[in-house]
């Protein structure tokens, strides 16, 4: 059975999908978000929010509500666990190019809830797994796993690394980076005793990071280079023991974070990324279809920019779509309206190609250097490059996604 349920369908109720939907809502445009699971997904626990993310959150009008429960990080400390080199420390309080630096570790659950609170009731349709897309004139027909078919003028794929929409556009599956990550979230129910700093520890082929969200909770990650001979870590208990075995010389307060992490708050996943040249030359958009977030630019986590760039995408995409729909829309999608939508999505693709290329390629190189096992690279990383590598993270965060404003935005869909 075919049904027309709205002019804009967004696949995926993650950070990118909800940001795009809220951005459109702020501009007076309705959208429907399809989510395959039956609730909001909180996988990942937390993430680093740099300057560019706070710019986007403020544009959406939810920045202040997220600042209150998350403390601002004052510095970044990088320590090598295989050399006697003193830790490299960098203040995060000085001013960047755009504004005063602001870095916090934000809980994913709180961000998603903040986005949903601002959306009209009924915006998200849960248990709606997209299985395929087909064309019907200028419209797109979206087939769901339950057999229903939705008809839309604009289709936006924010459905992650295994994106059905990206596949329809002809983008290849993201490549395996030959690395894996374990993430955890520790709630002490009292003070954890850590300073408000981003702590990073580099070892031989491994690295870990610890970021306080507030006085009681800490988010941590551990990444390592993997091979086909490595034993698969099947349970959270094995993951926890594996991390502890790799960093047995961590400071006691930091080690306590790992030991205090409950097994249900530990996950593991392979790291995937899209080849940067595919972002430059591939189909980010085609007609009235486009992708954003991890469906567009999956990257390794070495810059802490995955979620931040997803927020950027949502703002830019909402603005481009709204500009394309400023004229009063027709009930049926005609050639002129299709062309305006196509131009709007092409504009989004043009704006985001180079930014995505930079983030993917820089993250890959930083990860390669951080997890290097070679003596020469390890020497350079530990004694010469620490300040430079930290500076790279700060530089990539100095980005302004722009405002949610368009000219002559008098009509809503």
Protein backbone atom coordinates (compact mmCIF):
# COMPACT_ATOMS: atom_id res chain seq x y z
CA UNK A 1 0.00 0.00 0.00
CA UNK A 2 1.37 3.39 -1.02
CA UNK A 3 0.96 6.45 1.23
CA UNK A 4 2.14 10.04 0.97
CA UNK A 5 3.13 10.98 4.51
CA UNK A 6 5.04 14.20 4.06
CA UNK A 7 7.33 15.98 1.70
CA UNK A 8 10.61 15.31 3.55
CA UNK A 9 11.65 11.90 4.86
CA UNK A 10 14.77 11.58 7.02
CA UNK A 11 16.08 8.06 7.55
CA UNK A 12 17.70 7.64 10.98
CA UNK A 13 16.93 9.29 14.33
CA UNK A 14 20.54 9.73 15.32
CA UNK A 15 22.37 13.02 15.82
CA UNK A 16 22.36 14.00 12.14
CA UNK A 17 18.75 13.06 11.46
CA UNK A 18 17.36 14.81 14.53
CA UNK A 19 19.52 17.88 13.97
CA UNK A 20 18.34 18.19 10.38
CA UNK A 21 14.71 17.74 11.42
CA UNK A 22 14.99 20.35 14.19
CA UNK A 23 16.79 22.75 11.86
CA UNK A 24 13.93 22.42 9.37
CA UNK A 25 11.39 22.87 12.16
CA UNK A 26 13.10 26.10 13.23
CA UNK A 27 12.63 27.30 9.65
CA UNK A 28 8.96 26.35 9.59
CA UNK A 29 9.30 23.14 7.58
CA UNK A 30 7.92 19.78 8.66
CA UNK A 31 9.71 16.46 8.23
CA UNK A 32 9.22 12.83 9.21
CA UNK A 33 12.11 10.89 10.76
CA UNK A 34 12.17 7.11 10.30
CA UNK A 35 13.98 5.11 12.97
CA UNK A 36 14.55 1.36 12.66
CA UNK A 37 14.70 0.66 16.41
CA UNK A 38 11.77 1.02 18.80
CA UNK A 39 13.49 3.69 20.93
CA UNK A 40 16.26 6.28 20.61
CA UNK A 41 19.63 4.57 20.28
CA UNK A 42 22.27 5.57 22.82
CA UNK A 43 25.18 3.51 21.50
CA UNK A 44 28.49 5.23 22.22
CA UNK A 45 27.54 6.71 25.61
CA UNK A 46 29.17 10.13 25.10
CA UNK A 47 31.32 12.18 22.73
CA UNK A 48 33.59 15.20 22.68
CA UNK A 49 31.94 18.47 21.69
CA UNK A 50 34.37 21.03 20.30
CA UNK A 51 33.81 24.67 19.29
CA UNK A 52 32.09 23.78 16.04
CA UNK A 53 29.57 21.55 17.82
CA UNK A 54 28.63 24.27 20.31
CA UNK A 55 28.12 26.69 17.46
CA UNK A 56 25.60 24.29 15.92
CA UNK A 57 23.89 23.58 19.24
CA UNK A 58 23.49 27.30 19.92
CA UNK A 59 22.02 27.80 16.45
CA UNK A 60 19.46 25.11 17.28
CA UNK A 61 18.70 26.81 20.60
CA UNK A 62 19.70 23.90 22.88
CA UNK A 63 23.31 24.77 23.70
CA UNK A 64 22.70 26.25 27.15
CA UNK A 65 20.56 23.30 28.27
CA UNK A 66 23.49 20.96 27.52
CA UNK A 67 26.19 23.14 29.06
CA UNK A 68 24.65 22.99 32.52
CA UNK A 69 25.11 19.22 33.14
CA UNK A 70 28.52 18.96 31.43
CA UNK A 71 31.71 20.54 32.75
CA UNK A 72 34.07 22.44 30.49
CA UNK A 73 37.45 20.79 29.93
CA UNK A 74 40.36 23.10 30.72
CA UNK A 75 43.25 21.24 29.12
CA UNK A 76 44.50 18.25 27.18
CA UNK A 77 47.25 16.01 28.55
CA UNK A 78 48.92 13.42 26.30
CA UNK A 79 51.15 10.78 27.94
CA UNK A 80 53.30 8.10 26.34
CA UNK A 81 53.25 4.85 28.31
CA UNK A 82 56.36 3.47 26.59
CA UNK A 83 58.77 6.37 27.08
CA UNK A 84 59.90 8.50 29.99
CA UNK A 85 59.01 11.67 28.15
CA UNK A 86 57.02 14.09 30.38
CA UNK A 87 53.34 14.44 29.44
CA UNK A 88 52.49 17.03 26.79
CA UNK A 89 50.00 19.55 28.17
CA UNK A 90 47.92 22.03 26.17
CA UNK A 91 45.48 24.56 27.56
CA UNK A 92 42.02 24.52 26.01
CA UNK A 93 41.04 27.88 27.51
CA UNK A 94 42.74 30.26 25.07
CA UNK A 95 40.83 31.81 22.21
CA UNK A 96 40.55 30.14 18.82
CA UNK A 97 39.91 31.84 15.50
CA UNK A 98 36.15 31.94 15.92
CA UNK A 99 35.52 32.25 19.64
CA UNK A 100 36.76 31.13 23.00
CA UNK A 101 37.45 27.40 22.92
CA UNK A 102 34.76 25.31 24.53
CA UNK A 103 35.25 21.57 24.88
CA UNK A 104 32.96 19.34 26.91
CA UNK A 105 32.16 15.64 26.95
CA UNK A 106 28.42 15.35 26.35
CA UNK A 107 26.31 12.31 27.09
CA UNK A 108 24.65 11.06 23.94
CA UNK A 109 21.38 10.32 25.73
CA UNK A 110 21.04 13.91 26.94
CA UNK A 111 21.77 15.35 23.50
CA UNK A 112 19.20 13.14 21.75
CA UNK A 113 16.59 13.94 24.39
CA UNK A 114 17.28 17.67 24.04
CA UNK A 115 16.77 17.45 20.27
CA UNK A 116 13.56 15.41 20.59
CA UNK A 117 12.06 17.79 23.17
CA UNK A 118 12.13 20.60 20.63
CA UNK A 119 10.49 18.59 17.83
CA UNK A 120 6.71 18.42 17.28
CA UNK A 121 5.03 15.27 18.56
CA UNK A 122 4.84 12.65 15.83
CA UNK A 123 8.01 13.75 14.04
CA UNK A 124 9.74 10.41 14.73
CA UNK A 125 8.29 7.11 13.52
CA UNK A 126 9.95 4.25 15.39
CA UNK A 127 10.22 0.59 14.28
CA UNK A 128 10.47 1.80 10.68
CA UNK A 129 13.38 0.03 9.04
CA UNK A 130 14.05 1.12 5.45
CA UNK A 131 14.93 -1.79 3.16
CA UNK A 132 14.94 -0.21 -0.29
CA UNK A 133 14.32 2.94 -2.33
CA UNK A 134 12.82 3.27 -5.80
CA UNK A 135 11.83 6.08 -8.12
CA UNK A 136 8.28 7.01 -9.10
CA UNK A 137 8.45 9.94 -11.46
CA UNK A 138 9.96 12.82 -9.49
CA UNK A 139 9.00 11.18 -6.19
CA UNK A 140 10.92 8.57 -4.21
CA UNK A 141 9.19 5.50 -2.80
CA UNK A 142 10.69 4.26 0.47
CA UNK A 143 9.97 0.60 1.26
CA UNK A 144 9.90 -0.42 4.92
CA UNK A 145 10.48 -3.84 6.48
CA UNK A 146 6.82 -4.06 7.56
CA UNK A 147 5.71 -3.88 3.92
CA UNK A 148 4.54 -0.27 3.93
CA UNK A 149 5.68 2.23 1.29
CA UNK A 150 6.18 5.94 1.90
CA UNK A 151 6.18 8.55 -0.83
CA UNK A 152 8.35 11.65 -0.52
CA UNK A 153 9.60 14.70 -2.38
CA UNK A 154 12.93 14.79 -0.48
CA UNK A 155 14.81 11.78 0.92
CA UNK A 156 17.68 12.30 3.35
CA UNK A 157 19.83 9.37 4.45
CA UNK A 158 21.16 9.77 7.99
CA UNK A 159 21.22 6.01 8.52
CA UNK A 160 24.85 5.46 9.49
CA UNK A 161 27.69 3.39 8.09
CA UNK A 162 25.34 0.72 6.71
CA UNK A 163 23.16 3.29 4.98
CA UNK A 164 20.52 2.00 2.58
CA UNK A 165 20.28 5.48 1.05
CA UNK A 166 24.05 5.68 0.49
CA UNK A 167 23.90 2.33 -1.27
CA UNK A 168 21.10 3.62 -3.52
CA UNK A 169 23.28 6.63 -4.40
CA UNK A 170 26.06 4.27 -5.44
CA UNK A 171 28.45 4.97 -2.58
CA UNK A 172 30.61 2.03 -1.58
CA UNK A 173 30.47 0.41 1.84
CA UNK A 174 32.84 2.09 4.33
CA UNK A 175 36.26 0.46 4.54
CA UNK A 176 37.64 -1.30 7.62
CA UNK A 177 40.48 0.76 9.12
CA UNK A 178 42.23 -2.35 10.55
CA UNK A 179 41.52 -0.91 14.00
CA UNK A 180 38.88 -1.47 16.64
CA UNK A 181 37.53 0.53 19.56
CA UNK A 182 36.20 -0.25 23.01
CA UNK A 183 34.14 2.43 24.72
CA UNK A 184 32.93 2.70 28.28
CA UNK A 185 31.03 4.94 30.66
CA UNK A 186 31.70 5.03 34.40
CA UNK A 187 29.40 6.58 37.00
CA UNK A 188 31.04 6.87 40.41
CA UNK A 189 27.90 8.12 42.23
CA UNK A 190 30.39 10.43 43.96
CA UNK A 191 33.44 12.43 42.86
CA UNK A 192 35.82 10.57 40.53
CA UNK A 193 38.71 12.84 41.54
CA UNK A 194 39.89 13.65 38.02
CA UNK A 195 40.68 17.17 36.89
CA UNK A 196 38.51 18.64 34.09
CA UNK A 197 40.99 17.57 31.43
CA UNK A 198 41.08 15.39 28.33
CA UNK A 199 43.58 12.65 29.26
CA UNK A 200 45.10 10.64 26.43
CA UNK A 201 47.56 7.75 26.79
CA UNK A 202 49.59 6.40 23.87
CA UNK A 203 51.21 2.96 23.85
CA UNK A 204 52.61 0.51 21.33
CA UNK A 205 49.84 0.18 18.77
CA UNK A 206 47.17 1.30 21.25
CA UNK A 207 45.76 4.47 22.73
CA UNK A 208 43.12 5.43 25.26
CA UNK A 209 41.33 8.58 26.32
CA UNK A 210 39.43 9.65 29.44
CA UNK A 211 37.02 12.59 29.46
CA UNK A 212 35.00 13.65 32.53
CA UNK A 213 31.41 14.56 31.70
CA UNK A 214 30.87 16.02 35.15
CA UNK A 215 32.16 15.49 38.70
CA UNK A 216 30.79 11.94 38.88
CA UNK A 217 30.87 10.44 35.39
CA UNK A 218 33.69 9.69 32.95
CA UNK A 219 33.59 8.55 29.34
CA UNK A 220 36.57 6.57 28.07
CA UNK A 221 37.72 4.92 24.87
CA UNK A 222 40.43 2.49 23.84
CA UNK A 223 41.53 1.88 20.24
CA UNK A 224 44.05 -0.59 18.86
CA UNK A 225 45.35 -1.98 15.61
CA UNK A 226 43.89 -5.39 14.83
CA UNK A 227 44.75 -8.27 12.56
CA UNK A 228 43.05 -11.47 11.43
CA UNK A 229 45.08 -13.37 14.02
CA UNK A 230 43.70 -11.38 16.97
CA UNK A 231 41.32 -13.16 19.30
CA UNK A 232 37.79 -11.81 19.09
CA UNK A 233 36.59 -10.19 22.29
CA UNK A 234 33.18 -11.77 22.69
CA UNK A 235 32.01 -10.32 26.00
CA UNK A 236 32.25 -7.00 27.90
CA UNK A 237 34.19 -8.82 30.62
CA UNK A 238 36.87 -9.80 28.11
CA UNK A 239 36.94 -6.26 26.71
CA UNK A 240 37.46 -4.78 30.16
CA UNK A 241 40.25 -7.19 31.03
CA UNK A 242 41.89 -6.59 27.65
CA UNK A 243 42.03 -2.83 28.21
CA UNK A 244 43.37 -3.23 31.76
CA UNK A 245 46.09 -5.60 30.52
CA UNK A 246 47.28 -3.08 27.93
CA UNK A 247 47.56 -0.17 30.36
CA UNK A 248 48.69 -1.62 33.67
CA UNK A 249 50.82 1.45 34.43
CA UNK A 250 48.06 4.05 34.32
CA UNK A 251 47.67 6.47 37.26
CA UNK A 252 45.52 4.98 40.03
CA UNK A 253 42.67 7.48 39.54
CA UNK A 254 42.53 6.67 35.84
CA UNK A 255 42.74 2.92 36.39
CA UNK A 256 39.88 3.26 38.88
CA UNK A 257 37.70 4.57 36.05
CA UNK A 258 38.21 1.33 34.12
CA UNK A 259 37.72 -0.85 37.16
CA UNK A 260 34.56 1.02 38.14
CA UNK A 261 32.92 0.66 34.73
CA UNK A 262 30.01 -1.82 34.81
CA UNK A 263 29.99 -4.47 32.09
CA UNK A 264 26.71 -3.20 30.64
CA UNK A 265 28.46 0.12 29.99
CA UNK A 266 31.18 -1.35 27.74
CA UNK A 267 30.87 -1.86 23.98
CA UNK A 268 33.26 -2.74 21.17
CA UNK A 269 33.13 -2.04 17.45
CA UNK A 270 35.40 -2.11 14.38
CA UNK A 271 36.46 1.30 13.05
CA UNK A 272 35.33 2.13 9.55
CA UNK A 273 35.83 5.12 7.30
CA UNK A 274 34.89 6.25 3.82
CA UNK A 275 37.80 6.73 1.45
CA UNK A 276 38.22 10.51 1.28
CA UNK A 277 38.43 10.56 -2.53
CA UNK A 278 34.98 8.95 -2.69
CA UNK A 279 33.57 11.92 -0.76
CA UNK A 280 35.14 14.30 -3.29
CA UNK A 281 33.96 12.45 -6.40
CA UNK A 282 31.08 10.23 -5.30
CA UNK A 283 27.36 10.95 -5.29
CA UNK A 284 26.63 12.74 -2.02
CA UNK A 285 23.36 13.82 -3.63
CA UNK A 286 21.40 12.77 -6.68
CA UNK A 287 18.19 14.49 -7.69
CA UNK A 288 16.07 14.80 -4.55
CA UNK A 289 18.13 12.36 -2.46
CA UNK A 290 21.23 12.97 -0.32
CA UNK A 291 23.16 11.56 2.64
CA UNK A 292 24.65 13.20 5.73
CA UNK A 293 26.46 12.26 8.94
CA UNK A 294 28.02 8.79 9.09
CA UNK A 295 26.14 7.82 5.94
CA UNK A 296 28.25 10.45 4.17
CA UNK A 297 31.57 10.69 6.00
CA UNK A 298 32.25 7.86 8.49
CA UNK A 299 35.68 8.47 9.98
CA UNK A 300 37.98 7.09 12.65
CA UNK A 301 37.46 8.79 16.05
CA UNK A 302 40.93 10.33 16.30
CA UNK A 303 39.76 13.94 15.92
CA UNK A 304 36.66 13.59 18.07
CA UNK A 305 34.72 15.13 15.18
CA UNK A 306 32.21 12.43 14.22
CA UNK A 307 29.28 13.83 16.21
CA UNK A 308 30.47 17.42 15.82
CA UNK A 309 30.50 17.21 12.03
CA UNK A 310 27.09 15.48 12.16
CA UNK A 311 25.70 18.58 13.88
CA UNK A 312 27.32 20.77 11.22
CA UNK A 313 25.72 18.65 8.49
CA UNK A 314 22.27 19.04 10.01
CA UNK A 315 22.46 22.84 10.12
CA UNK A 316 23.83 23.21 6.58
CA UNK A 317 21.38 20.68 5.15
CA UNK A 318 18.32 22.24 6.80
CA UNK A 319 19.35 25.64 5.46
CA UNK A 320 19.89 24.35 1.91
CA UNK A 321 16.56 22.50 1.83
CA UNK A 322 14.68 25.49 3.23
CA UNK A 323 16.20 27.75 0.59
CA UNK A 324 14.95 25.34 -2.09
CA UNK A 325 11.42 25.34 -0.66
CA UNK A 326 10.88 29.07 -0.12
CA UNK A 327 8.30 29.18 -2.91
CA UNK A 328 4.84 27.80 -2.21
CA UNK A 329 5.07 24.07 -2.92
CA UNK A 330 2.68 22.15 -5.12
CA UNK A 331 0.81 19.09 -3.90
CA UNK A 332 2.34 17.15 -6.76
CA UNK A 333 6.07 17.41 -7.37
CA UNK A 334 6.56 19.15 -10.71
CA UNK A 335 9.71 19.69 -12.71
CA UNK A 336 10.41 23.18 -11.35
CA UNK A 337 10.11 22.17 -7.70
CA UNK A 338 12.19 19.04 -8.28
CA UNK A 339 14.87 21.20 -9.86
CA UNK A 340 14.90 23.58 -6.89
CA UNK A 341 15.26 20.65 -4.48
CA UNK A 342 18.03 19.16 -6.61
CA UNK A 343 19.91 22.48 -6.60
CA UNK A 344 19.49 22.78 -2.83
CA UNK A 345 20.93 19.32 -2.19
CA UNK A 346 23.74 19.97 -4.68
CA UNK A 347 24.57 23.10 -2.72
CA UNK A 348 24.76 21.04 0.49
CA UNK A 349 27.04 18.51 -1.23
CA UNK A 350 29.30 21.27 -2.50
CA UNK A 351 29.58 22.85 0.95
CA UNK A 352 30.34 19.59 2.72
CA UNK A 353 32.66 17.75 0.31
CA UNK A 354 35.93 19.44 1.22
CA UNK A 355 35.12 19.66 4.92
CA UNK A 356 34.34 15.93 4.97
CA UNK A 357 37.50 15.15 2.98
CA UNK A 358 39.61 17.10 5.48
CA UNK A 359 38.11 15.43 8.54
CA UNK A 360 38.29 11.87 7.21
CA UNK A 361 41.87 12.14 5.95
CA UNK A 362 43.18 14.06 8.99
CA UNK A 363 41.57 11.61 11.41
CA UNK A 364 43.10 8.67 9.58
CA UNK A 365 46.60 10.18 9.62
CA UNK A 366 46.39 11.18 13.30
CA UNK A 367 45.23 7.67 14.20
CA UNK A 368 48.07 6.14 12.21
CA UNK A 369 50.64 8.26 14.05
CA UNK A 370 49.09 7.68 17.47
CA UNK A 371 49.05 3.90 17.10
CA UNK A 372 52.37 3.52 15.33
CA UNK A 373 54.61 0.68 16.50
CA UNK A 374 57.74 1.71 14.57
CA UNK A 375 60.66 3.12 16.53
CA UNK A 376 61.15 6.19 14.36
CA UNK A 377 57.49 7.15 14.28
CA UNK A 378 57.13 6.46 17.99
CA UNK A 379 60.12 8.74 18.69
CA UNK A 380 58.62 11.53 16.57
CA UNK A 381 55.18 11.08 18.12
CA UNK A 382 56.39 11.12 21.72
CA UNK A 383 59.11 13.78 21.56
CA UNK A 384 58.48 16.09 18.62
CA UNK A 385 54.85 15.90 17.46
CA UNK A 386 52.64 16.01 20.63
CA UNK A 387 51.97 19.77 20.53
CA UNK A 388 51.45 19.66 16.75
CA UNK A 389 48.94 16.79 16.92
CA UNK A 390 46.94 18.48 19.68
CA UNK A 391 46.97 21.64 17.59
CA UNK A 392 45.50 19.70 14.67
CA UNK A 393 42.49 18.71 16.80
CA UNK A 394 41.96 22.32 17.85
CA UNK A 395 42.36 23.64 14.29
CA UNK A 396 39.81 21.25 12.81
CA UNK A 397 37.30 22.41 15.45
CA UNK A 398 37.62 26.07 14.36
CA UNK A 399 34.70 25.90 11.94
CA UNK A 400 31.45 27.84 11.67
CA UNK A 401 28.47 26.01 10.17
CA UNK A 402 26.54 29.26 9.78
CA UNK A 403 23.09 30.35 10.92
CA UNK A 404 19.63 28.91 10.34
CA UNK A 405 18.41 31.77 8.18
CA UNK A 406 17.29 32.08 4.57
CA UNK A 407 16.09 34.87 2.33
CA UNK A 408 12.36 35.23 1.83
CA UNK A 409 11.53 32.17 3.89
CA UNK A 410 7.79 32.82 3.91
CA UNK A 411 6.35 29.42 3.09
CA UNK A 412 6.35 26.14 4.97
CA UNK A 413 5.82 22.64 3.69
